[in-house]
Amino acid sequence: RKHGLPADIDSVVLIEGDAAYTHSTAALRVLGTLVAPYAYLHHVFVLVPRIVRDQGYRFVATTRYQVFGKRDLCRVPTRQDQQW
């Protein structure tokens, strides 16, 4: 509880120094650390009001398994996958 977050938080949490970020803000800050074109998404979506971004984040979070499916195990990338 160092960062004032509830124990039952239902979001990704990004800790940077003394700051904690959740929901869409955490996801966007991670995107900002990636290479182009993903980093550019940070600069675009950060302009959207947080309340709207968080609604989109929650929609994706609740529908991702319906769209992408759910697996019990993570797939290990092949050598060919790793070359991308």
Protein backbone atom coordinates (compact mmCIF):
# COMPACT_ATOMS: atom_id res chain seq x y z
CA ARG A 1 0.00 0.00 0.00
CA LYS A 2 3.01 2.23 -0.33
CA HIS A 3 1.47 3.92 -3.37
CA GLY A 4 -2.04 4.20 -1.97
CA LEU A 5 -3.45 1.48 -4.20
CA PRO A 6 -6.23 -0.81 -3.01
CA ALA A 7 -5.28 -4.43 -2.39
CA ASP A 8 -7.97 -5.65 -4.80
CA ILE A 9 -7.06 -3.45 -7.77
CA ASP A 10 -8.24 -4.89 -11.09
CA SER A 11 -5.82 -3.15 -13.41
CA VAL A 12 -2.29 -3.31 -14.63
CA VAL A 13 -0.10 -1.21 -12.33
CA LEU A 14 3.09 0.54 -13.39
CA ILE A 15 5.42 1.73 -10.65
CA GLU A 16 7.95 4.39 -11.62
CA GLY A 17 9.90 5.69 -8.66
CA ASP A 18 7.39 6.96 -6.11
CA ALA A 19 4.53 7.18 -8.63
CA ALA A 20 1.99 4.47 -9.46
CA TYR A 21 -0.02 4.46 -12.67
CA THR A 22 -3.06 2.32 -13.45
CA HIS A 23 -5.47 1.56 -16.27
CA SER A 24 -4.92 3.44 -19.54
CA THR A 25 -2.25 5.73 -18.11
CA ALA A 26 -0.07 2.75 -17.17
CA ALA A 27 -0.59 1.16 -20.60
CA LEU A 28 0.25 4.42 -22.39
CA ARG A 29 3.39 4.98 -20.35
CA VAL A 30 4.57 1.49 -21.32
CA LEU A 31 3.75 2.20 -24.98
CA GLY A 32 5.87 5.35 -24.74
CA THR A 33 8.94 3.26 -23.93
CA LEU A 34 8.59 1.05 -27.01
CA VAL A 35 10.03 1.67 -30.47
CA ALA A 36 8.08 3.30 -33.28
CA PRO A 37 5.31 3.01 -34.30
CA TYR A 38 4.06 1.94 -30.85
CA ALA A 39 5.63 4.89 -29.07
CA TYR A 40 3.68 7.23 -31.34
CA LEU A 41 0.43 5.77 -30.01
CA HIS A 42 1.36 7.18 -26.61
CA HIS A 43 1.59 10.69 -28.04
CA VAL A 44 -1.78 10.36 -29.78
CA PHE A 45 -3.85 8.70 -27.04
CA VAL A 46 -2.47 10.76 -24.18
CA LEU A 47 -4.42 13.68 -25.70
CA VAL A 48 -7.68 11.82 -25.05
CA PRO A 49 -9.21 12.67 -21.64
CA ARG A 50 -8.35 10.01 -19.06
CA ILE A 51 -11.98 9.21 -18.27
CA VAL A 52 -12.57 8.32 -21.94
CA ARG A 53 -9.28 6.38 -22.21
CA ASP A 54 -10.11 4.39 -19.08
CA GLN A 55 -13.53 3.47 -20.48
CA GLY A 56 -11.80 2.14 -23.60
CA TYR A 57 -9.24 0.32 -21.43
CA ARG A 58 -12.01 -1.36 -19.43
CA PHE A 59 -13.87 -2.34 -22.62
CA VAL A 60 -10.75 -4.02 -24.03
CA ALA A 61 -10.05 -5.67 -20.66
CA THR A 62 -13.54 -7.19 -20.48
CA THR A 63 -13.73 -8.33 -24.11
CA ARG A 64 -10.16 -9.42 -24.87
CA TYR A 65 -10.78 -13.11 -24.19
CA GLN A 66 -13.85 -13.09 -26.44
CA VAL A 67 -11.81 -11.52 -29.23
CA PHE A 68 -8.45 -13.25 -28.80
CA GLY A 69 -9.40 -16.35 -26.82
CA LYS A 70 -7.85 -17.56 -23.58
CA ARG A 71 -5.08 -20.09 -23.18
CA ASP A 72 -3.88 -21.97 -20.15
CA LEU A 73 -0.23 -21.72 -21.21
CA CYS A 74 1.87 -19.07 -22.91
CA ARG A 75 3.29 -20.06 -26.28
CA VAL A 76 7.07 -20.10 -26.54
CA PRO A 77 8.13 -18.24 -29.70
CA THR A 78 9.92 -20.25 -32.36
CA ARG A 79 13.24 -19.09 -33.84
CA GLN A 80 11.33 -17.79 -36.83
CA ASP A 81 9.04 -15.76 -34.54
CA GLN A 82 12.04 -14.30 -32.77
CA GLN A 83 13.49 -12.94 -36.00
CA TRP A 84 10.62 -10.46 -36.30
